[in-house]
Amino acid sequence: MTQQDQVRDHDFDGIREFDNRLPNWWLWSFYLACIFSVIYWVHYHVLRTGAAPLQEYAMEMKAADERAAAELARSPVDDASLLALAQDAAAVAEGRKVFMTPGQCVTCHKEDGGGLVGPNLTDNAWIHGGSPMAIHKTISKGVPEKGMQAWEALLGPAKVRQVTAFVLTLKGKNAPNGKAPEGKVE
């Protein structure tokens, strides 16, 4: 037996509505969604038998940080490893991405590394040393008395290595609009 369309009695701005029953598939999907939400709420919020999505995310990030720390422990930081990293195009590209992030290195050193507030990174004169380890130390520990913050706590050891690799590729390029050399030539 088919159901006839029934028009409701009310009228709003000349618009009249049908009073039809919702399709069964829609009703069942609604009922199942309601049942699922109750089960989800009991499981995650009442009984706490499962990790909530934010907790899972935090656990995954902690595990990733531990894996990264273990990887870094296996490969110590030294001049040779930083110079080798400067030859790795993927690492240099990641370092460039971090360098160019607004509010980070590019703010003081300009896009070409020629120096704005911070020193010129494209010449051969270095205030705090131009060896790979000296550059790494300057980036990771910072120079608070000169206004450069320590980046290791914010970026992590892997990103600091990548930024060091990128800065090593800038060394000796002599940006055309760079600041005058500061420090001693290395």
Protein backbone atom coordinates (compact mmCIF):
# COMPACT_ATOMS: atom_id res chain seq x y z
CA MET A 1 0.00 0.00 0.00
CA THR A 2 1.55 3.31 -1.05
CA GLN A 3 1.26 6.38 1.04
CA GLN A 4 -0.18 9.52 -0.45
CA ASP A 5 1.62 12.84 -0.03
CA GLN A 6 -0.06 14.86 2.68
CA VAL A 7 0.22 18.64 2.76
CA ARG A 8 0.48 20.29 6.16
CA ASP A 9 -2.13 22.81 7.17
CA HIS A 10 0.16 25.75 7.81
CA ASP A 11 1.24 28.26 5.18
CA PHE A 12 4.32 30.49 5.43
CA ASP A 13 4.81 33.15 2.74
CA GLY A 14 2.89 31.03 0.29
CA ILE A 15 5.05 27.99 0.98
CA ARG A 16 3.36 24.78 2.04
CA GLU A 17 5.15 21.61 3.19
CA PHE A 18 4.53 17.93 2.76
CA ASP A 19 4.18 15.84 5.90
CA ASN A 20 5.92 12.69 4.68
CA ARG A 21 7.57 9.95 6.67
CA LEU A 22 11.37 9.79 6.49
CA PRO A 23 12.84 6.91 4.49
CA ASN A 24 13.79 3.80 6.50
CA TRP A 25 17.45 3.95 5.44
CA TRP A 26 17.70 7.48 6.85
CA LEU A 27 16.00 6.50 10.11
CA TRP A 28 18.27 3.47 10.57
CA SER A 29 21.42 5.50 9.91
CA PHE A 30 20.22 8.05 12.47
CA TYR A 31 19.45 5.36 15.07
CA LEU A 32 22.83 3.67 14.51
CA ALA A 33 24.63 7.00 14.84
CA CYS A 34 22.85 7.63 18.15
CA ILE A 35 23.74 4.15 19.44
CA PHE A 36 27.35 4.57 18.32
CA SER A 37 27.63 7.95 20.07
CA VAL A 38 26.39 6.48 23.37
CA ILE A 39 28.85 3.57 23.12
CA TYR A 40 31.67 5.97 22.20
CA TRP A 41 30.86 8.25 25.14
CA VAL A 42 30.73 5.36 27.62
CA HIS A 43 33.92 3.77 26.27
CA TYR A 44 36.10 6.92 26.12
CA HIS A 45 34.63 9.27 28.71
CA VAL A 46 32.83 7.22 31.36
CA LEU A 47 34.81 3.97 31.64
CA ARG A 48 37.99 5.42 30.10
CA THR A 49 38.85 2.03 28.61
CA GLY A 50 40.33 3.61 25.49
CA ALA A 51 42.66 6.48 24.77
CA ALA A 52 40.90 9.59 23.50
CA PRO A 53 42.10 10.90 20.12
CA LEU A 54 44.18 13.67 21.69
CA GLN A 55 45.78 11.17 24.05
CA GLU A 56 46.56 8.85 21.13
CA TYR A 57 48.11 11.77 19.27
CA ALA A 58 50.25 12.67 22.29
CA MET A 59 51.41 9.06 22.65
CA GLU A 60 52.29 8.86 18.94
CA MET A 61 54.22 12.14 19.11
CA LYS A 62 56.12 10.94 22.18
CA ALA A 63 57.01 7.68 20.41
CA ALA A 64 58.16 9.61 17.33
CA ASP A 65 60.31 11.90 19.49
CA GLU A 66 61.87 8.86 21.18
CA ARG A 67 62.61 7.27 17.78
CA ALA A 68 64.16 10.53 16.56
CA ALA A 69 66.26 10.82 19.73
CA ALA A 70 67.45 7.23 19.32
CA GLU A 71 68.36 7.93 15.69
CA LEU A 72 70.28 11.04 16.69
CA ALA A 73 72.08 9.12 19.44
CA ARG A 74 73.29 6.61 16.84
CA SER A 75 74.76 9.37 14.68
CA PRO A 76 76.67 11.92 16.76
CA VAL A 77 76.96 15.52 15.64
CA ASP A 78 80.39 16.42 14.33
CA ASP A 79 81.88 18.47 11.51
CA ALA A 80 81.98 15.52 9.12
CA SER A 81 78.34 14.51 9.66
CA LEU A 82 77.15 18.11 9.25
CA LEU A 83 79.17 18.55 6.05
CA ALA A 84 77.74 15.27 4.74
CA LEU A 85 74.24 16.48 5.63
CA ALA A 86 74.91 19.69 3.67
CA GLN A 87 75.38 17.46 0.59
CA ASP A 88 71.97 15.79 1.13
CA ALA A 89 69.46 17.70 -1.02
CA ALA A 90 66.45 16.52 1.02
CA ALA A 91 67.99 17.63 4.32
CA VAL A 92 69.00 21.00 2.85
CA ALA A 93 65.47 21.49 1.46
CA GLU A 94 63.96 20.77 4.89
CA GLY A 95 66.47 23.13 6.49
CA ARG A 96 65.55 25.83 3.97
CA LYS A 97 61.86 25.33 4.76
CA VAL A 98 62.53 25.85 8.48
CA PHE A 99 64.83 28.82 7.73
CA MET A 100 62.14 30.49 5.58
CA THR A 101 59.32 30.00 8.10
CA PRO A 102 58.05 33.46 9.13
CA GLY A 103 59.14 34.34 12.65
CA GLN A 104 62.22 32.16 12.48
CA CYS A 105 65.63 32.58 10.82
CA VAL A 106 64.45 34.59 7.80
CA THR A 107 63.19 37.36 10.08
CA CYS A 108 66.72 38.41 11.07
CA HIS A 109 68.88 36.97 8.29
CA LYS A 110 66.69 37.71 5.19
CA GLU A 111 65.68 35.18 2.54
CA ASP A 112 69.07 35.19 0.85
CA GLY A 113 70.93 34.97 4.19
CA GLY A 114 72.45 38.42 3.64
CA GLY A 115 71.50 39.65 7.10
CA LEU A 116 68.99 42.22 8.23
CA VAL A 117 69.24 42.47 12.00
CA GLY A 118 71.33 39.32 12.26
CA PRO A 119 74.72 38.89 10.60
CA ASN A 120 75.32 38.05 6.96
CA LEU A 121 75.46 34.25 6.56
CA THR A 122 76.70 34.35 2.96
CA ASP A 123 80.17 35.79 3.49
CA ASN A 124 83.21 34.11 5.02
CA ALA A 125 83.27 36.25 8.19
CA TRP A 126 81.69 34.64 11.24
CA ILE A 127 81.15 36.22 14.64
CA HIS A 128 80.73 32.97 16.57
CA GLY A 129 82.77 30.66 14.36
CA GLY A 130 82.16 29.35 10.87
CA SER A 131 82.97 25.68 11.36
CA PRO A 132 79.99 23.33 11.03
CA MET A 133 80.01 22.58 14.77
CA ALA A 134 80.25 26.30 15.65
CA ILE A 135 77.29 27.08 13.38
CA HIS A 136 75.33 24.16 14.89
CA LYS A 137 76.10 25.39 18.41
CA THR A 138 75.05 28.95 17.56
CA ILE A 139 71.72 27.73 16.14
CA SER A 140 70.99 25.20 18.89
CA LYS A 141 72.15 27.19 21.94
CA GLY A 142 71.58 30.70 20.59
CA VAL A 143 73.36 33.90 21.54
CA PRO A 144 71.02 35.51 24.10
CA GLU A 145 73.21 38.57 24.69
CA LYS A 146 72.89 39.42 20.97
CA GLY A 147 69.18 38.61 20.69
CA MET A 148 69.39 35.19 19.04
CA GLN A 149 67.32 32.61 20.84
CA ALA A 150 68.21 28.96 21.29
CA TRP A 151 66.32 27.01 18.62
CA GLU A 152 66.97 23.43 19.74
CA ALA A 153 64.14 23.44 22.29
CA LEU A 154 61.67 24.72 19.68
CA LEU A 155 62.81 22.84 16.59
CA GLY A 156 64.36 19.70 17.99
CA PRO A 157 67.80 18.28 17.23
CA ALA A 158 66.94 16.96 13.75
CA LYS A 159 65.63 20.30 12.47
CA VAL A 160 68.64 22.12 13.95
CA ARG A 161 70.91 19.81 11.95
CA GLN A 162 68.89 20.49 8.79
CA VAL A 163 69.05 24.27 9.31
CA THR A 164 72.81 23.95 9.91
CA ALA A 165 73.11 22.04 6.63
CA PHE A 166 71.19 24.81 4.83
CA VAL A 167 73.33 27.56 6.38
CA LEU A 168 76.46 25.67 5.31
CA THR A 169 75.20 25.86 1.71
CA LEU A 170 74.88 29.66 2.04
CA LYS A 171 78.43 30.13 3.31
CA GLY A 172 80.68 31.83 0.75
CA LYS A 173 77.88 32.82 -1.68
CA ASN A 174 78.22 36.55 -0.87
CA ALA A 175 74.69 37.89 -1.27
CA PRO A 176 74.67 41.05 -3.43
CA ASN A 177 72.70 43.11 -0.89
CA GLY A 178 74.23 41.51 2.18
CA LYS A 179 75.44 43.29 5.27
CA ALA A 180 79.10 44.13 5.62
CA PRO A 181 81.23 41.30 7.03
CA GLU A 182 81.24 40.99 10.80
CA GLY A 183 83.58 38.82 12.86
CA LYS A 184 86.70 37.05 11.68
CA VAL A 185 87.16 35.50 8.25
CA GLU A 186 87.26 31.71 8.24
